[in-house]
Amino acid sequence: MENKNLHEEIKKRDKQIELLSKVSRTVVSGKYLDDILNMIVNITAETMGLRICSIMLFDEKKQELAIKATQSLSKKYCNKPNLKVGQSISGKAVKNKKPVAVLNVTKDPDYMYPQIASEEGLCSMLAVPMMINKRVIGVINLYTSEEHVFSDEEIKVLQSISDQAAAVIENTKLMEEALKARESLKIRKLVEQAKGILMREFGMDEEQAHRSIHQKSMNSRKSMKEVAEAIILALGKKQYKH
């Protein structure tokens, strides 16, 4: 019996280490935020053998939590209104910056949507805040289908996952912002080039050239980038009409 228990404990530890490794590898996966979040909830739920995992991100300005990723849940659950910090179990985890466990969400007065939880077959819940340098950026929620007392070890593992997830999310956001800035610069350069063509070919001043591109964009329902590219492409063919 002792050997069997030891074997099960080693197996459990191996799964937990692999889980943390998978979450860590998403840092360099090159995927975008939505993909990253979905990977984390699926990996976490599958590896820990729990009913449901979901991630809610924290909007600091609005002081709200919004569901951003989950699996195996209905649209009714996914479309729940955002939660104010301090409301609900997830809100408490964010406000207090520490894990919150509940034995049965359908009976807990702090759980905002017990009817949905009952319909989805959700019972026990563990909410753990995701933090970067003591700043909360969201929360990971785990649910079981039966009453379950989360052990200190389970809480510790999910806290490790949440720390890894927070780093992944922060890095992905920075990457997306860098890509947007790069794309914005590219568009500005294209528009400037197109304006130069219009000024040279049609004797427009800079304001007229910009207005012409903008009007063409509005009339054709195409982006400024697409219009600018069309002007540049048509330079040799003289096909652009202002």
C-alpha atoms as a PDB file:
ATOM      1  CA  MET A   1       0.000   0.000   0.000  1.00  0.00           C
ATOM      2  CA  GLU A   2       2.837   2.360   0.939  1.00  0.00           C
ATOM      3  CA  ASN A   3       4.617   1.708  -2.380  1.00  0.00           C
ATOM      4  CA  LYS A   4       1.381   2.323  -4.264  1.00  0.00           C
ATOM      5  CA  ASN A   5       0.819   5.640  -2.512  1.00  0.00           C
ATOM      6  CA  LEU A   6       4.411   6.649  -3.219  1.00  0.00           C
ATOM      7  CA  HIS A   7       3.963   5.738  -6.899  1.00  0.00           C
ATOM      8  CA  GLU A   8       0.773   7.806  -7.120  1.00  0.00           C
ATOM      9  CA  GLU A   9       2.492  10.762  -5.432  1.00  0.00           C
ATOM     10  CA  ILE A  10       5.441  10.615  -7.860  1.00  0.00           C
ATOM     11  CA  LYS A  11       3.057  10.360 -10.803  1.00  0.00           C
ATOM     12  CA  LYS A  12       1.098  13.347  -9.524  1.00  0.00           C
ATOM     13  CA  ARG A  13       4.272  15.404  -9.088  1.00  0.00           C
ATOM     14  CA  ASP A  14       5.396  14.520 -12.622  1.00  0.00           C
ATOM     15  CA  LYS A  15       2.085  15.757 -14.007  1.00  0.00           C
ATOM     16  CA  GLN A  16       2.385  18.994 -12.075  1.00  0.00           C
ATOM     17  CA  ILE A  17       5.946  19.603 -13.279  1.00  0.00           C
ATOM     18  CA  GLU A  18       4.892  18.913 -16.869  1.00  0.00           C
ATOM     19  CA  LEU A  19       1.975  21.316 -16.442  1.00  0.00           C
ATOM     20  CA  LEU A  20       4.256  24.123 -15.284  1.00  0.00           C
ATOM     21  CA  SER A  21       6.640  23.321 -18.121  1.00  0.00           C
ATOM     22  CA  LYS A  22       3.847  23.545 -20.723  1.00  0.00           C
ATOM     23  CA  VAL A  23       2.649  26.874 -19.352  1.00  0.00           C
ATOM     24  CA  SER A  24       6.225  28.210 -19.319  1.00  0.00           C
ATOM     25  CA  ARG A  25       6.779  27.194 -22.942  1.00  0.00           C
ATOM     26  CA  THR A  26       3.867  29.362 -24.076  1.00  0.00           C
ATOM     27  CA  VAL A  27       6.057  32.404 -23.266  1.00  0.00           C
ATOM     28  CA  VAL A  28       8.039  31.767 -26.444  1.00  0.00           C
ATOM     29  CA  SER A  29       5.236  30.221 -28.503  1.00  0.00           C
ATOM     30  CA  GLY A  30       4.697  33.350 -30.621  1.00  0.00           C
ATOM     31  CA  LYS A  31       0.939  33.009 -30.287  1.00  0.00           C
ATOM     32  CA  TYR A  32      -1.437  35.885 -29.608  1.00  0.00           C
ATOM     33  CA  LEU A  33      -3.202  36.560 -26.317  1.00  0.00           C
ATOM     34  CA  ASP A  34      -6.500  34.738 -27.025  1.00  0.00           C
ATOM     35  CA  ASP A  35      -4.596  31.625 -28.128  1.00  0.00           C
ATOM     36  CA  ILE A  36      -2.327  31.835 -25.086  1.00  0.00           C
ATOM     37  CA  LEU A  37      -5.256  32.099 -22.659  1.00  0.00           C
ATOM     38  CA  ASN A  38      -7.089  29.179 -24.251  1.00  0.00           C
ATOM     39  CA  MET A  39      -3.939  27.051 -24.105  1.00  0.00           C
ATOM     40  CA  ILE A  40      -3.500  27.796 -20.403  1.00  0.00           C
ATOM     41  CA  VAL A  41      -7.076  26.897 -19.389  1.00  0.00           C
ATOM     42  CA  ASN A  42      -7.071  23.700 -21.442  1.00  0.00           C
ATOM     43  CA  ILE A  43      -3.668  22.547 -20.186  1.00  0.00           C
ATOM     44  CA  THR A  44      -4.530  23.357 -16.569  1.00  0.00           C
ATOM     45  CA  ALA A  45      -7.944  21.664 -16.538  1.00  0.00           C
ATOM     46  CA  GLU A  46      -6.693  18.571 -18.353  1.00  0.00           C
ATOM     47  CA  THR A  47      -3.525  18.078 -16.325  1.00  0.00           C
ATOM     48  CA  MET A  48      -5.095  18.708 -12.920  1.00  0.00           C
ATOM     49  CA  GLY A  49      -8.087  16.548 -13.840  1.00  0.00           C
ATOM     50  CA  LEU A  50     -10.655  19.168 -12.895  1.00  0.00           C
ATOM     51  CA  ARG A  51     -14.068  19.972 -14.342  1.00  0.00           C
ATOM     52  CA  ILE A  52     -13.454  23.508 -15.552  1.00  0.00           C
ATOM     53  CA  CYS A  53     -10.744  26.148 -15.671  1.00  0.00           C
ATOM     54  CA  SER A  54     -11.379  29.759 -16.627  1.00  0.00           C
ATOM     55  CA  ILE A  55      -9.352  32.966 -16.784  1.00  0.00           C
ATOM     56  CA  MET A  56     -10.717  36.407 -16.020  1.00  0.00           C
ATOM     57  CA  LEU A  57      -8.644  39.514 -16.759  1.00  0.00           C
ATOM     58  CA  PHE A  58      -8.717  42.600 -14.573  1.00  0.00           C
ATOM     59  CA  ASP A  59      -9.587  46.020 -16.019  1.00  0.00           C
ATOM     60  CA  GLU A  60      -7.925  48.379 -13.563  1.00  0.00           C
ATOM     61  CA  LYS A  61      -9.726  51.501 -14.835  1.00  0.00           C
ATOM     62  CA  LYS A  62     -13.191  49.958 -14.606  1.00  0.00           C
ATOM     63  CA  GLN A  63     -12.300  47.826 -11.586  1.00  0.00           C
ATOM     64  CA  GLU A  64     -13.933  44.869 -13.326  1.00  0.00           C
ATOM     65  CA  LEU A  65     -13.173  41.244 -14.126  1.00  0.00           C
ATOM     66  CA  ALA A  66     -14.145  39.818 -17.514  1.00  0.00           C
ATOM     67  CA  ILE A  67     -14.044  36.184 -18.690  1.00  0.00           C
ATOM     68  CA  LYS A  68     -11.428  35.860 -21.433  1.00  0.00           C
ATOM     69  CA  ALA A  69     -10.927  32.094 -21.719  1.00  0.00           C
ATOM     70  CA  THR A  70     -12.609  28.881 -20.633  1.00  0.00           C
ATOM     71  CA  GLN A  71     -13.506  25.460 -21.995  1.00  0.00           C
ATOM     72  CA  SER A  72     -16.494  23.120 -21.934  1.00  0.00           C
ATOM     73  CA  LEU A  73     -18.933  25.774 -20.774  1.00  0.00           C
ATOM     74  CA  SER A  74     -22.103  27.142 -22.326  1.00  0.00           C
ATOM     75  CA  LYS A  75     -22.493  30.567 -23.920  1.00  0.00           C
ATOM     76  CA  LYS A  76     -24.644  31.525 -20.936  1.00  0.00           C
ATOM     77  CA  TYR A  77     -21.626  31.149 -18.653  1.00  0.00           C
ATOM     78  CA  CYS A  78     -19.201  32.814 -21.065  1.00  0.00           C
ATOM     79  CA  ASN A  79     -21.537  35.771 -21.591  1.00  0.00           C
ATOM     80  CA  LYS A  80     -21.978  36.531 -17.895  1.00  0.00           C
ATOM     81  CA  PRO A  81     -21.719  40.266 -17.107  1.00  0.00           C
ATOM     82  CA  ASN A  82     -18.361  41.550 -15.901  1.00  0.00           C
ATOM     83  CA  LEU A  83     -17.797  41.392 -12.155  1.00  0.00           C
ATOM     84  CA  LYS A  84     -16.850  44.349  -9.998  1.00  0.00           C
ATOM     85  CA  VAL A  85     -13.835  43.776  -7.775  1.00  0.00           C
ATOM     86  CA  GLY A  86     -15.068  42.908  -4.309  1.00  0.00           C
ATOM     87  CA  GLN A  87     -18.099  41.161  -5.798  1.00  0.00           C
ATOM     88  CA  SER A  88     -18.053  37.391  -6.058  1.00  0.00           C
ATOM     89  CA  ILE A  89     -15.382  34.885  -5.142  1.00  0.00           C
ATOM     90  CA  SER A  90     -13.084  35.866  -8.020  1.00  0.00           C
ATOM     91  CA  GLY A  91     -13.410  39.514  -7.030  1.00  0.00           C
ATOM     92  CA  LYS A  92     -12.380  38.703  -3.471  1.00  0.00           C
ATOM     93  CA  ALA A  93      -9.295  36.842  -4.703  1.00  0.00           C
ATOM     94  CA  VAL A  94      -8.282  39.926  -6.705  1.00  0.00           C
ATOM     95  CA  LYS A  95      -9.089  42.421  -3.962  1.00  0.00           C
ATOM     96  CA  ASN A  96      -7.268  40.480  -1.226  1.00  0.00           C
ATOM     97  CA  LYS A  97      -4.494  39.265  -3.547  1.00  0.00           C
ATOM     98  CA  LYS A  98      -4.715  35.720  -2.240  1.00  0.00           C
ATOM     99  CA  PRO A  99      -6.441  32.422  -3.161  1.00  0.00           C
ATOM    100  CA  VAL A 100     -10.077  31.854  -2.201  1.00  0.00           C
ATOM    101  CA  ALA A 101     -11.613  28.364  -2.015  1.00  0.00           C
ATOM    102  CA  VAL A 102     -15.328  27.550  -1.763  1.00  0.00           C
ATOM    103  CA  LEU A 103     -16.801  24.117  -1.071  1.00  0.00           C
ATOM    104  CA  ASN A 104     -20.025  24.619  -3.027  1.00  0.00           C
ATOM    105  CA  VAL A 105     -20.630  27.699  -5.192  1.00  0.00           C
ATOM    106  CA  THR A 106     -24.343  26.950  -5.548  1.00  0.00           C
ATOM    107  CA  LYS A 107     -24.751  27.504  -1.802  1.00  0.00           C
ATOM    108  CA  ASP A 108     -22.236  30.290  -1.249  1.00  0.00           C
ATOM    109  CA  PRO A 109     -23.787  33.785  -0.942  1.00  0.00           C
ATOM    110  CA  ASP A 110     -20.714  35.392  -2.524  1.00  0.00           C
ATOM    111  CA  TYR A 111     -21.080  33.477  -5.780  1.00  0.00           C
ATOM    112  CA  MET A 112     -22.968  35.740  -8.199  1.00  0.00           C
ATOM    113  CA  TYR A 113     -24.524  33.174 -10.543  1.00  0.00           C
ATOM    114  CA  PRO A 114     -25.495  30.006  -8.593  1.00  0.00           C
ATOM    115  CA  GLN A 115     -28.199  29.090 -11.121  1.00  0.00           C
ATOM    116  CA  ILE A 116     -25.699  28.994 -13.989  1.00  0.00           C
ATOM    117  CA  ALA A 117     -23.265  27.028 -11.821  1.00  0.00           C
ATOM    118  CA  SER A 118     -26.009  24.504 -11.046  1.00  0.00           C
ATOM    119  CA  GLU A 119     -26.904  24.146 -14.731  1.00  0.00           C
ATOM    120  CA  GLU A 120     -23.242  23.666 -15.641  1.00  0.00           C
ATOM    121  CA  GLY A 121     -22.661  21.101 -12.896  1.00  0.00           C
ATOM    122  CA  LEU A 122     -20.098  23.226 -11.045  1.00  0.00           C
ATOM    123  CA  CYS A 123     -19.529  22.681  -7.344  1.00  0.00           C
ATOM    124  CA  SER A 124     -16.263  23.496  -5.535  1.00  0.00           C
ATOM    125  CA  MET A 125     -14.168  26.437  -6.707  1.00  0.00           C
ATOM    126  CA  LEU A 126     -10.643  27.726  -6.262  1.00  0.00           C
ATOM    127  CA  ALA A 127      -9.827  31.285  -7.399  1.00  0.00           C
ATOM    128  CA  VAL A 128      -6.176  32.363  -7.519  1.00  0.00           C
ATOM    129  CA  PRO A 129      -5.043  35.878  -8.499  1.00  0.00           C
ATOM    130  CA  MET A 130      -2.499  36.324 -11.296  1.00  0.00           C
ATOM    131  CA  MET A 131       0.081  38.922 -10.294  1.00  0.00           C
ATOM    132  CA  ILE A 132       3.070  40.753 -11.751  1.00  0.00           C
ATOM    133  CA  ASN A 133       5.214  42.545  -9.158  1.00  0.00           C
ATOM    134  CA  LYS A 134       2.324  42.498  -6.664  1.00  0.00           C
ATOM    135  CA  ARG A 135      -0.003  43.999  -9.312  1.00  0.00           C
ATOM    136  CA  VAL A 136      -3.068  41.856 -10.058  1.00  0.00           C
ATOM    137  CA  ILE A 137      -3.810  41.367 -13.755  1.00  0.00           C
ATOM    138  CA  GLY A 138      -6.497  38.706 -13.458  1.00  0.00           C
ATOM    139  CA  VAL A 139      -7.605  35.481 -11.811  1.00  0.00           C
ATOM    140  CA  ILE A 140      -7.593  31.756 -12.627  1.00  0.00           C
ATOM    141  CA  ASN A 141     -10.684  29.850 -11.498  1.00  0.00           C
ATOM    142  CA  LEU A 142     -10.856  26.087 -11.071  1.00  0.00           C
ATOM    143  CA  TYR A 143     -14.118  24.162 -10.609  1.00  0.00           C
ATOM    144  CA  THR A 144     -14.926  20.590  -9.646  1.00  0.00           C
ATOM    145  CA  SER A 145     -18.159  18.717 -10.351  1.00  0.00           C
ATOM    146  CA  GLU A 146     -18.356  17.398  -6.754  1.00  0.00           C
ATOM    147  CA  GLU A 147     -17.551  18.882  -3.365  1.00  0.00           C
ATOM    148  CA  HIS A 148     -13.800  18.992  -2.936  1.00  0.00           C
ATOM    149  CA  VAL A 149     -11.531  20.493  -0.290  1.00  0.00           C
ATOM    150  CA  PHE A 150      -8.526  21.927  -2.123  1.00  0.00           C
ATOM    151  CA  SER A 151      -5.293  20.880  -0.439  1.00  0.00           C
ATOM    152  CA  ASP A 152      -2.434  23.253   0.335  1.00  0.00           C
ATOM    153  CA  GLU A 153      -0.448  21.515  -2.390  1.00  0.00           C
ATOM    154  CA  GLU A 154      -3.177  22.046  -5.002  1.00  0.00           C
ATOM    155  CA  ILE A 155      -3.397  25.715  -4.061  1.00  0.00           C
ATOM    156  CA  LYS A 156       0.387  26.019  -4.261  1.00  0.00           C
ATOM    157  CA  VAL A 157       0.459  24.396  -7.716  1.00  0.00           C
ATOM    158  CA  LEU A 158      -2.266  26.687  -9.052  1.00  0.00           C
ATOM    159  CA  GLN A 159      -0.442  29.690  -7.571  1.00  0.00           C
ATOM    160  CA  SER A 160       2.670  28.619  -9.501  1.00  0.00           C
ATOM    161  CA  ILE A 161       0.572  28.258 -12.646  1.00  0.00           C
ATOM    162  CA  SER A 162      -0.977  31.688 -12.114  1.00  0.00           C
ATOM    163  CA  ASP A 163       2.487  33.247 -11.714  1.00  0.00           C
ATOM    164  CA  GLN A 164       3.622  31.643 -14.971  1.00  0.00           C
ATOM    165  CA  ALA A 165       0.384  32.635 -16.703  1.00  0.00           C
ATOM    166  CA  ALA A 166       0.725  36.241 -15.539  1.00  0.00           C
ATOM    167  CA  ALA A 167       4.224  36.411 -17.061  1.00  0.00           C
ATOM    168  CA  VAL A 168       2.934  34.899 -20.317  1.00  0.00           C
ATOM    169  CA  ILE A 169       0.012  37.328 -20.514  1.00  0.00           C
ATOM    170  CA  GLU A 170       2.179  40.358 -19.749  1.00  0.00           C
ATOM    171  CA  ASN A 171       4.788  39.355 -22.344  1.00  0.00           C
ATOM    172  CA  THR A 172       2.107  38.671 -24.952  1.00  0.00           C
ATOM    173  CA  LYS A 173       0.454  42.042 -24.339  1.00  0.00           C
ATOM    174  CA  LEU A 174       3.813  43.791 -24.756  1.00  0.00           C
ATOM    175  CA  MET A 175       4.439  41.850 -27.962  1.00  0.00           C
ATOM    176  CA  GLU A 176       1.019  42.756 -29.363  1.00  0.00           C
ATOM    177  CA  GLU A 177       1.543  46.413 -28.495  1.00  0.00           C
ATOM    178  CA  ALA A 178       4.933  46.342 -30.254  1.00  0.00           C
ATOM    179  CA  LEU A 179       3.365  44.741 -33.338  1.00  0.00           C
ATOM    180  CA  LYS A 180       0.580  47.346 -33.388  1.00  0.00           C
ATOM    181  CA  ALA A 181       3.122  50.162 -33.088  1.00  0.00           C
ATOM    182  CA  ARG A 182       5.148  48.639 -35.927  1.00  0.00           C
ATOM    183  CA  GLU A 183       2.050  48.281 -38.110  1.00  0.00           C
ATOM    184  CA  SER A 184       1.005  51.853 -37.321  1.00  0.00           C
ATOM    185  CA  LEU A 185       4.443  53.130 -38.363  1.00  0.00           C
ATOM    186  CA  LYS A 186       4.251  51.096 -41.570  1.00  0.00           C
ATOM    187  CA  ILE A 187       0.843  52.597 -42.406  1.00  0.00           C
ATOM    188  CA  ARG A 188       2.103  56.135 -41.741  1.00  0.00           C
ATOM    189  CA  LYS A 189       5.061  55.554 -44.079  1.00  0.00           C
ATOM    190  CA  LEU A 190       2.767  54.203 -46.822  1.00  0.00           C
ATOM    191  CA  VAL A 191       0.396  57.162 -46.473  1.00  0.00           C
ATOM    192  CA  GLU A 192       3.314  59.605 -46.570  1.00  0.00           C
ATOM    193  CA  GLN A 193       4.625  57.921 -49.708  1.00  0.00           C
ATOM    194  CA  ALA A 194       1.177  58.024 -51.316  1.00  0.00           C
ATOM    195  CA  LYS A 195       0.772  61.699 -50.382  1.00  0.00           C
ATOM    196  CA  GLY A 196       4.115  62.454 -52.022  1.00  0.00           C
ATOM    197  CA  ILE A 197       2.935  60.765 -55.223  1.00  0.00           C
ATOM    198  CA  LEU A 198      -0.308  62.758 -55.292  1.00  0.00           C
ATOM    199  CA  MET A 199       1.546  66.003 -54.632  1.00  0.00           C
ATOM    200  CA  ARG A 200       3.954  65.277 -57.481  1.00  0.00           C
ATOM    201  CA  GLU A 201       1.475  63.855 -59.996  1.00  0.00           C
ATOM    202  CA  PHE A 202      -1.499  66.145 -59.376  1.00  0.00           C
ATOM    203  CA  GLY A 203       0.066  69.292 -57.945  1.00  0.00           C
ATOM    204  CA  MET A 204      -1.724  68.909 -54.601  1.00  0.00           C
ATOM    205  CA  ASP A 205      -0.443  70.344 -51.365  1.00  0.00           C
ATOM    206  CA  GLU A 206       0.036  68.029 -48.371  1.00  0.00           C
ATOM    207  CA  GLU A 207      -3.386  68.717 -46.849  1.00  0.00           C
ATOM    208  CA  GLN A 208      -5.193  68.113 -50.155  1.00  0.00           C
ATOM    209  CA  ALA A 209      -3.278  64.869 -50.700  1.00  0.00           C
ATOM    210  CA  HIS A 210      -4.175  63.595 -47.238  1.00  0.00           C
ATOM    211  CA  ARG A 211      -7.820  64.596 -47.700  1.00  0.00           C
ATOM    212  CA  SER A 212      -7.911  62.816 -51.070  1.00  0.00           C
ATOM    213  CA  ILE A 213      -6.605  59.564 -49.556  1.00  0.00           C
ATOM    214  CA  HIS A 214      -9.032  59.835 -46.653  1.00  0.00           C
ATOM    215  CA  GLN A 215     -11.989  60.490 -48.969  1.00  0.00           C
ATOM    216  CA  LYS A 216     -11.030  57.594 -51.202  1.00  0.00           C
ATOM    217  CA  SER A 217     -10.857  55.391 -48.112  1.00  0.00           C
ATOM    218  CA  MET A 218     -14.339  56.484 -47.011  1.00  0.00           C
ATOM    219  CA  ASN A 219     -15.920  56.076 -50.456  1.00  0.00           C
ATOM    220  CA  SER A 220     -14.380  52.667 -51.164  1.00  0.00           C
ATOM    221  CA  ARG A 221     -14.768  51.392 -47.584  1.00  0.00           C
ATOM    222  CA  LYS A 222     -11.126  50.430 -47.621  1.00  0.00           C
ATOM    223  CA  SER A 223      -8.470  51.259 -45.058  1.00  0.00           C
ATOM    224  CA  MET A 224      -6.027  54.143 -45.506  1.00  0.00           C
ATOM    225  CA  LYS A 225      -3.309  51.503 -45.863  1.00  0.00           C
ATOM    226  CA  GLU A 226      -5.114  49.788 -48.754  1.00  0.00           C
ATOM    227  CA  VAL A 227      -5.752  53.081 -50.533  1.00  0.00           C
ATOM    228  CA  ALA A 228      -2.147  54.191 -50.070  1.00  0.00           C
ATOM    229  CA  GLU A 229      -0.875  50.870 -51.441  1.00  0.00           C
ATOM    230  CA  ALA A 230      -3.196  51.225 -54.451  1.00  0.00           C
ATOM    231  CA  ILE A 231      -1.863  54.721 -55.166  1.00  0.00           C
ATOM    232  CA  ILE A 232       1.737  53.532 -54.944  1.00  0.00           C
ATOM    233  CA  LEU A 233       0.994  50.549 -57.188  1.00  0.00           C
ATOM    234  CA  ALA A 234      -0.782  52.746 -59.751  1.00  0.00           C
ATOM    235  CA  LEU A 235       2.021  55.317 -59.970  1.00  0.00           C
ATOM    236  CA  GLY A 236       3.434  53.992 -63.218  1.00  0.00           C
ATOM    237  CA  LYS A 237       0.027  53.262 -64.705  1.00  0.00           C
ATOM    238  CA  LYS A 238      -1.548  56.635 -63.868  1.00  0.00           C
ATOM    239  CA  GLN A 239      -4.778  54.872 -62.852  1.00  0.00           C
ATOM    240  CA  TYR A 240      -5.510  56.777 -59.658  1.00  0.00           C
ATOM    241  CA  LYS A 241      -8.294  59.350 -59.893  1.00  0.00           C
ATOM    242  CA  HIS A 242      -8.419  61.985 -57.167  1.00  0.00           C
END
